[in-house]
Each structure stands twice: as structure tokens, then as C-alpha cells.
Amino acid sequence: MTPWRAQPGPQLTAIQHDTVEELLYGGAVFGGKSDFLLGDFAQDVPRPYGRHWHGILFRKNYPQLEDLIARSKEIYPAWFPGVTWSNQTKTWTWPNGATLKMRFMESDDDWMQYWGHAYTWIGWDEIALWSNPTPYQRMKARLRSASANIPNKRIRASANPGGPGHHWVREHWKIGEYPLGSHKFKAEDGSGMSRIFIKARLNDNKIGIANDPGYEQRLEGAGSATFVKAIKDGDWSVIEGAFFSEFSETRHVVRPIELPGQWTRFRAMDWGSSKPFSIGWYAVSDGSLKQFPTGALIKYREWYGMKEGQPNVGLKLTAEQIRTGVKNIPGQKDIPGILEREKGDRITYSVIDPSAFQEDGGPSIASRMAPVIWRPADNKRIPGWDQVRGRLVGENDRPMLYFFSTCTHTIRTLPMLQHDPGKAEDVDTDSEDHAGDETRYACMSRPWVSKAPSAAHQPKDSWSKVFDAPESKNWRTA
């Protein structure tokens, strides 16, 4: 059997970037992603590192890991005579002492099993299957070598577009800014680690296409044009399998404007601590602004409790802190609470996830936010998602749900939601679904249109940009 070699093109280019600390390879299916990971680790085995060269390679679950192990058994023995595989420990061991562990990490907390470990190479196959970046981020602390100077310690990952982790992977490697890849940059998280995305297309796998010339043609019938484009071209700007394919920035995102003060206003919340909470403020159109149909909901403000730069990681604020805010913490920005954010707003009612009313040996989360008064949201999932979808579709080709462009996390996460693999009518709960849940509660709250008061008694809208994120570049003039 001929020893494995990287194919000329993106695969070889990725292999040669061995001094870049964080590299994502892939995009398209059949692009040689798993082979790249196996080859990238093994290329350093012959170096003098010997027993100091230790790697670990993750898949999301065990069935997926079995496929990866099977491929490694095809590659390594022909490449390295004397390498041995232990089925008990799921570890490859080379004669010089180098080792590669093959593991799966199904839970977000499984990284704790490796606390105290040290690896000079860490790999993640199909990284977008992890909805939460926490496992990847925590394992970065295991990239170390105290026993020898290893100058090219590194992390490698592969991915296709889509999946529960589509967004955080896209953001982590700046694929939106550099969709063609090959742009090396320094991480902005304080680590100073270098990152690069190397894009692979289906046709870059010359060997695979030669061995299976009908594969590309078969993909044409595998699904929608969007799906085929994503998996063939590695296009991260399309989201195949999106739960809300009806969502459109052009139709549903509007520039912030002053809304009439007489409109019914309410707030909705999805509680979260270790995961983000999401609070949305809504107004119900009475038709006095012609761009919004009567009865349409306008989400004019959001507060998304996420750690900066860490999607799907919560702020861990208490109920009291969410109510009043957090101030005067050395080295941190003040965080205004609900009362300060909506000062002057005339809130008619509020709904929150019913779990916030549970009393486990003390006052409930909802009661601890008084004088902010909540009522339990109608959290029926499938009818709720149908309500959101119906409002996105709208009536007479006009949406019944709009978002100010300052609601950046709703705009970011709502179109990324995926179908539950086991229940097509529901959202995959592994997705970053907090803003989606909160929007669902709002749509299920039976909002009503206020009767317009006389002109002399119409209060002005108090919306302000002070506590909202900067506008997105994509908005439709309202």
C-alpha cells in the first residue's frame, strides 16, 4: 500500500502551515478533511520530538469516531511500519514514543476529563457539530509541553458549513470577512494565537473524484440548490437546513426609528445563567406608521446576556443584577439593568419562561426581579415556532414581525437555528436558541393593538441607542 501524502492544493497548503496555532480546514464535502487531520499530526512524528509529540483527535460521538479510526487504520500502518493501535485505549503509538489518542466529546462538560493533560497537537473533526465553543476553548489550555521545547504546538479543525456550531465557527475564523480563506490573523481574545482558514472545495479532492467520478453528479440530487451550493463550494454564507428559511434581512430588519408612544409595548425573556439570557422589548403596530401593518410586532430593543466574544456563553448574572444592573466593578464596564434600559417606556405586560417561577427552597427567579412583574410565557414549542414562522411570512406579502438593526444577536442567531434531527417541526435545542425562544414567547403572548388616544395625549417614544449595540450594515429603510 502506498503511504499517504497530502494532495497538491488546499490540503497541502494547510499541512504546510504548521506554525499557525489555530487552523480550520474545509468547507465542502469530500474535501479530504479527515485525511488532513490525520496527516497533519503524523507529519511531525519523524521529527526529533519523539515521546514528547502527543496528540488527541476528537469527534462529536462514538459512531463518528469509529469512521475516523477506520480511516486511520488505512493510512498509518502503510506510512509508518511499526506503529501500533490499541483498541482498548483508542490510541496510536509510534516506535519513537509519539502517541495520538482518538476520542469523542459528546457533552459540553466532557473537556473536564482532560484537565491536567498536556498535548502538543489537538484536533477536532467536524468542529461545527459542537454547538458551543466551550469544549474547544477549554481544551486550548491543554496545548502545552513542559518536558521539551516544541515550537509548533497547534490546534487543527475541520468543518462543513451548517450544523449547530455554524455561527461560532464562522466567527472564530472570520470566514464572513475572508470567505476565500488563506488570511492569517491574530486572535483578539488576549491569547495572541495566530489563526487561518484554508478553504477546500469538492473538486480539490482529485484522488476522491478519480476514484468516484459520479459523486459530484449525485450531489446535484441530494437536496435544494442551497444545500448543494454549501456542500460543493464550502459556502458559509448559505445556511442549509435553517429552521426559519423565511427570514430575510431585507424584509425583516429595519433601521431604528421613533415609534409612536401609544403603541402597546411589552417585554419577553428567556432566562439563562451559564448560557445567555435574552430579553426583547416589543411594540405592536396600530397601523399609524404605514411601513408596519396593523398588528405587526417590532422588536425595538434586545439585551442578550452573553460574554463578549464568546457565543452561547452566559454572563451568570443574578435575577437582582438583571433587574438593577451591575456597576462600579474594577476593570469592567457598567451593565445597565432592565429598569435603566427601559426608563420611560410604558410596558403593558411581560412574559418569561415558566421555569423562572420554580421555587427550589427560596424565592423564584421571576419574583426576585420585582418590581419588574412577569407572567409565565406560553412555551408550547411547535405552536410557538409556527407563530414565529407565520409572522415572518406575514400577510399580503408584508411581514408581521420586524427587528430593529440594533437587535444584533436576534439577527445573528435566528437564521442559524436548525431543525431537530428527531422532530422536524421543532428547533434543535443544541443550537444557540435563546433569542429564538424569547421571540417565540413574544409571539405566543397574544399581543393586542392599543386604541389610539387623542393627539394631545400621545406620549413620545423613549427608545434610545445608549444601551443598544451599533447598527448592522444591513438594514432596510423603514
Protein backbone atom coordinates (compact mmCIF):
# COMPACT_ATOMS: atom_id res chain seq x y z
CA MET A 1 0.00 0.00 0.00
CA THR A 2 1.31 3.46 -0.93
CA PRO A 3 1.99 5.73 2.06
CA TRP A 4 -0.38 8.68 2.38
CA ARG A 5 0.66 12.07 1.01
CA ALA A 6 -1.16 15.40 1.08
CA GLN A 7 -2.77 16.31 -2.24
CA PRO A 8 -1.49 19.44 -4.00
CA GLY A 9 -3.81 22.35 -3.42
CA PRO A 10 -5.59 23.38 -0.19
CA GLN A 11 -4.78 20.14 1.63
CA LEU A 12 -1.05 20.53 1.10
CA THR A 13 -1.27 24.26 1.83
CA ALA A 14 -2.94 23.52 5.16
CA ILE A 15 -0.34 20.89 6.04
CA GLN A 16 2.45 23.36 5.35
CA HIS A 17 1.01 25.98 7.72
CA ASP A 18 2.36 24.06 10.71
CA THR A 19 3.45 27.20 12.56
CA VAL A 20 -0.07 28.69 12.64
CA GLU A 21 -1.55 27.83 16.01
CA GLU A 22 -5.24 27.56 15.08
CA LEU A 23 -6.19 26.34 11.61
CA LEU A 24 -9.59 25.43 10.18
CA TYR A 25 -9.59 23.32 7.03
CA GLY A 26 -12.53 22.51 4.82
CA GLY A 27 -15.84 23.81 3.66
CA ALA A 28 -17.00 21.34 1.04
CA VAL A 29 -17.80 17.67 1.48
CA PHE A 30 -15.32 15.20 0.04
CA GLY A 31 -12.55 17.75 0.52
CA GLY A 32 -10.20 15.40 2.38
CA LYS A 33 -10.80 16.94 5.81
CA SER A 34 -10.31 13.82 7.95
CA ASP A 35 -7.22 12.86 5.95
CA PHE A 36 -5.81 16.32 6.55
CA LEU A 37 -6.16 15.98 10.32
CA LEU A 38 -4.58 12.53 10.40
CA GLY A 39 -1.77 13.68 8.13
CA ASP A 40 -1.16 16.95 9.94
CA PHE A 41 -0.44 15.20 13.22
CA ALA A 42 1.63 12.41 11.66
CA GLN A 43 3.93 14.70 9.68
CA ASP A 44 5.71 15.59 12.95
CA VAL A 45 6.16 12.01 14.15
CA PRO A 46 9.55 11.59 12.37
CA ARG A 47 10.92 14.79 13.94
CA PRO A 48 13.20 14.56 16.98
CA TYR A 49 10.28 15.28 19.33
CA GLY A 50 9.76 11.53 19.80
CA ARG A 51 7.88 10.74 23.01
CA HIS A 52 7.19 14.45 23.55
CA TRP A 53 4.87 14.58 20.49
CA HIS A 54 1.41 13.81 21.89
CA GLY A 55 -1.89 14.42 20.13
CA ILE A 56 -5.59 13.96 20.70
CA LEU A 57 -8.25 13.95 17.98
CA PHE A 58 -11.96 14.46 18.76
CA ARG A 59 -15.24 13.59 17.07
CA LYS A 60 -18.65 14.52 18.47
CA ASN A 61 -19.86 10.98 19.19
CA TYR A 62 -18.63 7.42 19.11
CA PRO A 63 -20.17 6.27 15.79
CA GLN A 64 -18.47 9.20 14.06
CA LEU A 65 -15.22 8.34 15.85
CA GLU A 66 -15.39 4.79 14.52
CA ASP A 67 -15.31 6.10 10.95
CA LEU A 68 -12.26 8.20 11.76
CA ILE A 69 -10.49 5.26 13.40
CA ALA A 70 -11.22 3.10 10.36
CA ARG A 71 -9.64 5.68 8.07
CA SER A 72 -6.58 5.99 10.33
CA LYS A 73 -6.09 2.21 10.05
CA GLU A 74 -5.91 2.59 6.28
CA ILE A 75 -3.34 5.40 6.46
CA TYR A 76 -0.94 4.89 9.36
CA PRO A 77 0.33 1.28 9.02
CA ALA A 78 1.35 1.84 5.38
CA TRP A 79 3.01 5.13 6.26
CA PHE A 80 4.75 4.08 9.49
CA PRO A 81 5.84 0.44 9.78
CA GLY A 82 5.84 -0.50 13.45
CA VAL A 83 3.03 1.83 14.54
CA THR A 84 0.56 0.04 16.82
CA TRP A 85 -3.12 0.55 17.61
CA SER A 86 -4.69 -0.20 20.99
CA ASN A 87 -8.40 -0.80 20.67
CA GLN A 88 -8.73 -0.69 24.46
CA THR A 89 -7.21 2.77 24.91
CA LYS A 90 -8.10 4.03 21.40
CA THR A 91 -4.52 5.20 20.97
CA TRP A 92 -1.91 5.02 18.20
CA THR A 93 1.68 4.57 19.43
CA TRP A 94 4.77 5.00 17.28
CA PRO A 95 8.09 3.24 17.90
CA ASN A 96 9.70 6.53 18.97
CA GLY A 97 7.05 7.11 21.67
CA ALA A 98 4.78 9.57 19.84
CA THR A 99 1.08 8.97 20.55
CA LEU A 100 -2.29 10.01 19.14
CA LYS A 101 -5.45 9.45 21.19
CA MET A 102 -8.79 9.13 19.34
CA ARG A 103 -11.68 10.37 21.48
CA PHE A 104 -15.26 11.62 21.30
CA MET A 105 -16.67 14.57 23.26
CA GLU A 106 -20.45 14.47 23.32
CA SER A 107 -21.17 16.77 26.27
CA ASP A 108 -20.07 20.38 26.65
CA ASP A 109 -18.53 19.40 30.01
CA ASP A 110 -16.53 16.41 28.77
CA TRP A 111 -13.43 18.60 28.42
CA MET A 112 -13.04 18.29 32.23
CA GLN A 113 -11.92 14.68 31.73
CA TYR A 114 -8.70 16.10 30.27
CA TRP A 115 -7.94 18.63 32.99
CA GLY A 116 -4.25 18.40 33.78
CA HIS A 117 -3.38 16.71 30.46
CA ALA A 118 -0.79 18.10 28.07
CA TYR A 119 -0.89 17.79 24.30
CA THR A 120 1.29 19.27 21.58
CA TRP A 121 -1.40 18.73 18.93
CA ILE A 122 -5.20 18.89 19.33
CA GLY A 123 -7.60 18.07 16.51
CA TRP A 124 -11.36 18.50 16.00
CA ASP A 125 -13.06 16.69 13.13
CA GLU A 126 -16.29 18.40 12.01
CA ILE A 127 -15.99 21.15 14.63
CA ALA A 128 -19.32 22.75 13.58
CA LEU A 129 -21.15 19.80 15.15
CA TRP A 130 -20.34 21.31 18.56
CA SER A 131 -23.00 23.98 19.19
CA ASN A 132 -20.97 25.55 21.99
CA PRO A 133 -17.35 26.74 21.65
CA THR A 134 -16.65 25.92 25.30
CA PRO A 135 -15.07 22.46 24.71
CA TYR A 136 -12.78 23.89 22.05
CA GLN A 137 -11.83 26.90 24.17
CA ARG A 138 -11.20 24.89 27.34
CA MET A 139 -9.00 22.39 25.56
CA LYS A 140 -6.77 25.22 24.34
CA ALA A 141 -5.38 25.30 27.88
CA ARG A 142 -4.19 21.71 27.38
CA LEU A 143 -1.97 22.74 24.45
CA ARG A 144 1.37 22.73 26.21
CA SER A 145 4.65 20.89 26.64
CA ALA A 146 6.66 21.22 29.83
CA SER A 147 9.08 18.39 29.07
CA ALA A 148 10.50 19.64 25.76
CA ASN A 149 10.62 22.71 23.56
CA ILE A 150 8.04 22.07 20.82
CA PRO A 151 7.91 25.24 18.69
CA ASN A 152 4.93 24.25 16.53
CA LYS A 153 2.33 23.14 19.06
CA ARG A 154 -1.00 23.63 17.31
CA ILE A 155 -4.76 23.07 17.08
CA ARG A 156 -6.40 21.80 13.90
CA ALA A 157 -10.08 21.58 12.98
CA SER A 158 -12.21 20.64 10.02
CA ALA A 159 -15.78 21.62 9.19
CA ASN A 160 -18.55 21.88 6.63
CA PRO A 161 -20.97 24.83 6.58
CA GLY A 162 -24.13 24.32 8.62
CA GLY A 163 -24.61 22.39 11.82
CA PRO A 164 -25.34 23.69 15.35
CA GLY A 165 -21.96 25.44 15.58
CA HIS A 166 -22.05 27.11 12.17
CA HIS A 167 -22.04 30.64 13.52
CA TRP A 168 -19.35 30.47 16.18
CA VAL A 169 -17.01 28.59 13.83
CA ARG A 170 -17.64 31.18 11.11
CA GLU A 171 -16.91 34.00 13.55
CA HIS A 172 -13.89 32.36 15.20
CA TRP A 173 -12.01 32.07 11.91
CA LYS A 174 -13.52 35.26 10.36
CA ILE A 175 -14.96 33.36 7.41
CA GLY A 176 -17.57 36.07 6.89
CA GLU A 177 -14.82 38.65 6.43
CA TYR A 178 -12.48 36.37 4.45
CA PRO A 179 -14.74 33.81 2.71
CA LEU A 180 -11.95 32.63 0.41
CA GLY A 181 -9.70 31.89 3.37
CA SER A 182 -5.90 32.00 3.45
CA HIS A 183 -5.91 35.15 5.59
CA LYS A 184 -3.69 34.80 8.64
CA PHE A 185 -4.59 36.95 11.64
CA LYS A 186 -4.03 37.21 15.39
CA ALA A 187 -6.80 36.25 17.79
CA GLU A 188 -8.47 39.16 19.59
CA ASP A 189 -9.22 37.17 22.75
CA GLY A 190 -5.99 38.09 24.51
CA SER A 191 -4.21 34.84 23.65
CA GLY A 192 -2.36 36.33 20.68
CA MET A 193 -2.64 32.97 18.88
CA SER A 194 -2.47 33.02 15.10
CA ARG A 195 -5.45 31.74 13.10
CA ILE A 196 -6.17 30.89 9.48
CA PHE A 197 -8.97 29.30 7.47
CA ILE A 198 -7.97 27.19 4.46
CA LYS A 199 -10.92 26.65 2.14
CA ALA A 200 -11.38 23.34 0.33
CA ARG A 201 -13.85 22.64 -2.45
CA LEU A 202 -15.10 19.30 -3.63
CA ASN A 203 -13.04 19.45 -6.82
CA ASP A 204 -9.85 19.92 -4.80
CA ASN A 205 -10.02 16.23 -3.90
CA LYS A 206 -8.63 14.94 -7.21
CA ILE A 207 -7.99 11.44 -5.87
CA GLY A 208 -11.50 11.08 -4.48
CA ILE A 209 -13.12 12.36 -7.67
CA ALA A 210 -10.96 9.99 -9.76
CA ASN A 211 -11.98 7.04 -7.60
CA ASP A 212 -15.66 8.02 -7.65
CA PRO A 213 -16.31 10.15 -10.76
CA GLY A 214 -20.08 10.04 -10.32
CA TYR A 215 -20.06 11.52 -6.81
CA GLU A 216 -20.28 15.18 -7.85
CA GLN A 217 -23.24 14.47 -10.13
CA ARG A 218 -25.02 12.55 -7.40
CA LEU A 219 -24.77 15.58 -5.14
CA GLU A 220 -26.95 17.57 -7.54
CA GLY A 221 -29.90 15.47 -6.49
CA ALA A 222 -29.05 15.44 -2.79
CA GLY A 223 -31.20 18.42 -1.85
CA SER A 224 -32.01 22.03 -2.59
CA ALA A 225 -29.80 24.30 -4.64
CA THR A 226 -28.76 25.98 -1.37
CA PHE A 227 -27.69 22.68 0.14
CA VAL A 228 -25.74 21.64 -2.96
CA LYS A 229 -24.00 25.02 -3.13
CA ALA A 230 -22.97 24.82 0.52
CA ILE A 231 -21.55 21.30 0.42
CA LYS A 232 -19.90 21.56 -3.02
CA ASP A 233 -18.40 25.03 -2.74
CA GLY A 234 -17.96 25.26 1.01
CA ASP A 235 -20.09 28.40 1.03
CA TRP A 236 -20.55 29.60 4.64
CA SER A 237 -22.90 32.42 3.64
CA VAL A 238 -25.75 29.97 3.00
CA ILE A 239 -27.47 28.06 5.77
CA GLU A 240 -28.95 24.80 4.56
CA GLY A 241 -31.44 23.28 6.91
CA ALA A 242 -32.26 26.64 8.51
CA PHE A 243 -35.44 26.31 10.56
CA PHE A 244 -36.56 29.79 9.52
CA SER A 245 -35.67 29.88 5.84
CA GLU A 246 -38.27 32.67 5.56
CA PHE A 247 -36.04 35.09 7.48
CA SER A 248 -34.57 37.86 5.33
CA GLU A 249 -32.54 40.85 6.45
CA THR A 250 -34.07 42.81 3.58
CA ARG A 251 -37.65 42.13 4.67
CA HIS A 252 -37.41 41.81 8.44
CA VAL A 253 -34.58 44.10 9.64
CA VAL A 254 -35.29 47.83 9.81
CA ARG A 255 -33.39 50.93 10.82
CA PRO A 256 -34.31 52.17 14.32
CA ILE A 257 -36.85 54.98 14.26
CA GLU A 258 -39.07 56.69 16.83
CA LEU A 259 -42.16 54.58 17.40
CA PRO A 260 -45.47 56.08 18.49
CA GLY A 261 -45.75 56.13 22.26
CA GLN A 262 -49.37 54.93 22.27
CA TRP A 263 -48.46 51.53 20.80
CA THR A 264 -48.76 48.53 23.11
CA ARG A 265 -45.31 47.67 24.44
CA PHE A 266 -44.22 44.55 26.26
CA ARG A 267 -41.12 42.58 27.09
CA ALA A 268 -40.29 38.87 26.80
CA MET A 269 -37.44 36.92 28.37
CA ASP A 270 -35.72 33.57 28.11
CA TRP A 271 -33.82 33.01 31.36
CA GLY A 272 -30.19 31.90 31.31
CA SER A 273 -27.14 31.95 33.56
CA SER A 274 -24.29 29.78 32.26
CA LYS A 275 -25.99 30.11 28.87
CA PRO A 276 -27.12 33.55 27.65
CA PHE A 277 -30.42 35.05 28.70
CA SER A 278 -32.38 37.01 26.12
CA ILE A 279 -34.73 39.91 26.79
CA GLY A 280 -36.66 41.55 23.97
CA TRP A 281 -38.78 44.69 24.01
CA TYR A 282 -41.65 44.76 21.51
CA ALA A 283 -44.16 47.27 20.18
CA VAL A 284 -47.43 46.36 18.45
CA SER A 285 -48.22 48.46 15.40
CA ASP A 286 -51.64 50.12 15.20
CA GLY A 287 -51.10 50.95 11.55
CA SER A 288 -50.31 54.63 12.11
CA LEU A 289 -46.86 54.08 10.55
CA LYS A 290 -47.65 52.79 7.09
CA GLN A 291 -44.48 50.69 6.81
CA PHE A 292 -45.76 48.41 9.60
CA PRO A 293 -49.09 46.57 9.12
CA THR A 294 -51.63 46.76 11.91
CA GLY A 295 -50.84 44.07 14.48
CA ALA A 296 -47.21 43.66 13.41
CA LEU A 297 -44.61 43.17 16.16
CA ILE A 298 -41.49 45.33 16.14
CA LYS A 299 -38.64 44.18 18.35
CA TYR A 300 -37.08 47.54 19.09
CA ARG A 301 -34.55 46.59 21.77
CA GLU A 302 -32.76 43.49 22.99
CA TRP A 303 -30.46 42.60 25.86
CA TYR A 304 -28.55 39.42 25.23
CA GLY A 305 -26.64 38.22 28.28
CA MET A 306 -23.58 36.79 26.54
CA LYS A 307 -19.92 37.09 27.42
CA GLU A 308 -18.23 39.35 24.92
CA GLY A 309 -16.68 37.36 22.09
CA GLN A 310 -17.99 34.03 23.46
CA PRO A 311 -21.18 33.00 21.65
CA ASN A 312 -23.54 30.84 23.72
CA VAL A 313 -21.71 31.58 26.98
CA GLY A 314 -23.75 33.43 29.61
CA LEU A 315 -22.92 36.30 31.97
CA LYS A 316 -24.05 34.39 35.08
CA LEU A 317 -25.89 37.42 36.44
CA THR A 318 -28.34 37.03 39.30
CA ALA A 319 -32.01 37.92 38.94
CA GLU A 320 -31.39 41.03 41.03
CA GLN A 321 -28.48 42.11 38.82
CA ILE A 322 -30.59 41.72 35.70
CA ARG A 323 -33.20 43.97 37.29
CA THR A 324 -30.88 46.72 38.57
CA GLY A 325 -27.67 46.25 36.60
CA VAL A 326 -24.05 45.90 37.70
CA LYS A 327 -21.90 48.94 38.40
CA ASN A 328 -18.56 50.00 39.83
CA ILE A 329 -16.72 46.72 39.20
CA PRO A 330 -12.98 47.47 38.79
CA GLY A 331 -11.81 46.88 35.23
CA GLN A 332 -15.31 46.19 33.88
CA LYS A 333 -17.90 48.27 32.10
CA ASP A 334 -21.13 49.07 33.90
CA ILE A 335 -24.04 46.85 32.86
CA PRO A 336 -27.39 48.67 32.95
CA GLY A 337 -30.32 46.55 34.12
CA ILE A 338 -33.88 46.25 32.87
CA LEU A 339 -35.14 49.27 34.79
CA GLU A 340 -32.49 51.56 33.36
CA ARG A 341 -32.72 50.23 29.81
CA GLU A 342 -36.45 50.81 29.56
CA LYS A 343 -36.66 54.00 31.60
CA GLY A 344 -39.62 55.97 30.32
CA ASP A 345 -41.13 53.07 28.37
CA ARG A 346 -44.77 52.27 29.06
CA ILE A 347 -44.59 48.48 29.42
CA THR A 348 -48.03 46.86 29.40
CA TYR A 349 -47.07 43.29 30.30
CA SER A 350 -44.10 40.90 30.46
CA VAL A 351 -43.67 37.17 29.80
CA ILE A 352 -40.85 34.88 30.84
CA ASP A 353 -40.01 31.19 30.58
CA PRO A 354 -42.26 29.37 33.11
CA SER A 355 -39.18 27.74 34.66
CA ALA A 356 -38.40 31.15 36.18
CA PHE A 357 -41.34 30.63 38.58
CA GLN A 358 -39.96 27.47 40.16
CA GLU A 359 -39.30 27.79 43.89
CA ASP A 360 -36.48 25.46 44.90
CA GLY A 361 -36.18 26.29 48.58
CA GLY A 362 -36.41 30.03 48.09
CA PRO A 363 -38.00 32.84 46.08
CA SER A 364 -38.33 32.22 42.35
CA ILE A 365 -36.20 33.95 39.75
CA ALA A 366 -39.24 35.86 38.50
CA SER A 367 -40.19 37.13 41.97
CA ARG A 368 -36.62 38.28 42.68
CA MET A 369 -36.84 40.73 39.79
CA ALA A 370 -39.67 42.74 41.39
CA PRO A 371 -40.79 45.46 40.77
CA VAL A 372 -40.38 44.03 37.27
CA ILE A 373 -43.53 41.90 37.08
CA TRP A 374 -43.68 38.79 34.90
CA ARG A 375 -46.30 36.30 33.91
CA PRO A 376 -45.49 32.76 32.68
CA ALA A 377 -44.99 32.60 28.93
CA ASP A 378 -46.87 30.13 26.79
CA ASN A 379 -43.90 27.92 25.98
CA LYS A 380 -45.54 25.37 23.69
CA ARG A 381 -42.76 24.74 21.23
CA ILE A 382 -44.27 23.63 17.94
CA PRO A 383 -47.26 26.03 18.00
CA GLY A 384 -44.86 28.77 19.09
CA TRP A 385 -42.45 28.21 16.24
CA ASP A 386 -45.43 28.18 13.89
CA GLN A 387 -46.43 31.60 15.25
CA VAL A 388 -42.93 32.97 14.59
CA ARG A 389 -42.90 31.49 11.09
CA GLY A 390 -46.35 32.83 10.33
CA ARG A 391 -45.29 36.34 11.33
CA LEU A 392 -42.10 36.11 9.26
CA VAL A 393 -44.15 35.08 6.23
CA GLY A 394 -46.72 37.76 7.02
CA GLU A 395 -49.89 38.75 5.24
CA ASN A 396 -50.30 40.05 1.70
CA ASP A 397 -46.53 39.79 1.21
CA ARG A 398 -45.89 42.04 4.23
CA PRO A 399 -44.13 40.61 7.34
CA MET A 400 -45.85 40.79 10.71
CA LEU A 401 -42.55 40.64 12.64
CA TYR A 402 -39.69 43.15 12.37
CA PHE A 403 -36.38 43.67 14.17
CA PHE A 404 -34.51 46.91 14.68
CA SER A 405 -30.99 46.50 13.32
CA THR A 406 -29.69 47.04 16.86
CA CYS A 407 -31.10 43.62 17.84
CA THR A 408 -27.87 42.10 16.59
CA HIS A 409 -27.97 38.79 18.45
CA THR A 410 -31.50 38.00 17.33
CA ILE A 411 -30.50 38.80 13.77
CA ARG A 412 -27.36 36.68 14.23
CA THR A 413 -28.92 33.58 15.76
CA LEU A 414 -32.50 33.32 14.44
CA PRO A 415 -31.49 32.44 10.86
CA MET A 416 -28.91 29.97 12.20
CA LEU A 417 -31.46 27.77 14.02
CA GLN A 418 -31.61 24.21 12.70
CA HIS A 419 -34.31 21.54 12.62
CA ASP A 420 -34.25 18.97 15.42
CA PRO A 421 -32.93 15.76 13.77
CA GLY A 422 -35.58 13.72 15.59
CA LYS A 423 -38.52 16.12 15.23
CA ALA A 424 -38.56 18.21 12.08
CA GLU A 425 -41.23 20.59 13.43
CA ASP A 426 -39.01 21.65 16.35
CA VAL A 427 -35.74 23.56 16.69
CA ASP A 428 -32.54 21.71 17.52
CA THR A 429 -32.06 22.62 21.18
CA ASP A 430 -28.28 22.25 20.77
CA SER A 431 -28.41 25.43 18.68
CA GLU A 432 -27.96 28.90 20.20
CA ASP A 433 -31.73 29.25 20.53
CA HIS A 434 -32.14 31.75 23.39
CA ALA A 435 -33.20 34.77 21.31
CA GLY A 436 -35.38 32.43 19.28
CA ASP A 437 -37.12 31.12 22.39
CA GLU A 438 -37.68 34.64 23.67
CA THR A 439 -39.14 35.70 20.29
CA ARG A 440 -41.39 32.64 20.42
CA TYR A 441 -42.68 33.67 23.86
CA ALA A 442 -43.43 37.15 22.50
CA CYS A 443 -45.36 35.82 19.52
CA MET A 444 -47.35 33.47 21.79
CA SER A 445 -48.22 36.24 24.29
CA ARG A 446 -51.45 37.26 22.48
CA PRO A 447 -50.28 40.86 21.85
CA TRP A 448 -53.03 43.35 21.15
CA VAL A 449 -53.29 46.65 19.33
CA SER A 450 -53.84 49.70 21.54
CA LYS A 451 -56.58 52.13 20.70
CA ALA A 452 -55.05 55.41 19.62
CA PRO A 453 -55.55 58.23 22.16
CA SER A 454 -56.21 61.79 21.13
CA ALA A 455 -53.26 63.68 19.66
CA ALA A 456 -52.90 65.73 22.84
CA HIS A 457 -52.25 62.59 24.91
CA GLN A 458 -49.81 60.72 22.70
CA PRO A 459 -46.58 60.15 24.69
CA LYS A 460 -43.34 60.17 22.73
CA ASP A 461 -41.27 57.09 22.23
CA SER A 462 -38.35 56.88 24.64
CA TRP A 463 -36.19 54.45 22.68
CA SER A 464 -32.50 55.31 22.82
CA LYS A 465 -29.36 53.86 21.31
CA VAL A 466 -27.45 54.37 24.54
CA PHE A 467 -27.61 50.75 25.68
CA ASP A 468 -28.02 49.04 22.31
CA ALA A 469 -25.40 47.58 20.01
CA PRO A 470 -24.28 49.53 16.92
CA GLU A 471 -26.50 49.19 13.92
CA SER A 472 -25.73 46.44 11.47
CA LYS A 473 -24.70 47.46 7.99
CA ASN A 474 -27.65 45.57 6.52
CA TRP A 475 -30.94 47.33 7.09
CA ARG A 476 -33.98 48.34 5.19
CA THR A 477 -35.13 51.94 5.44
CA ALA A 478 -38.31 51.87 7.43
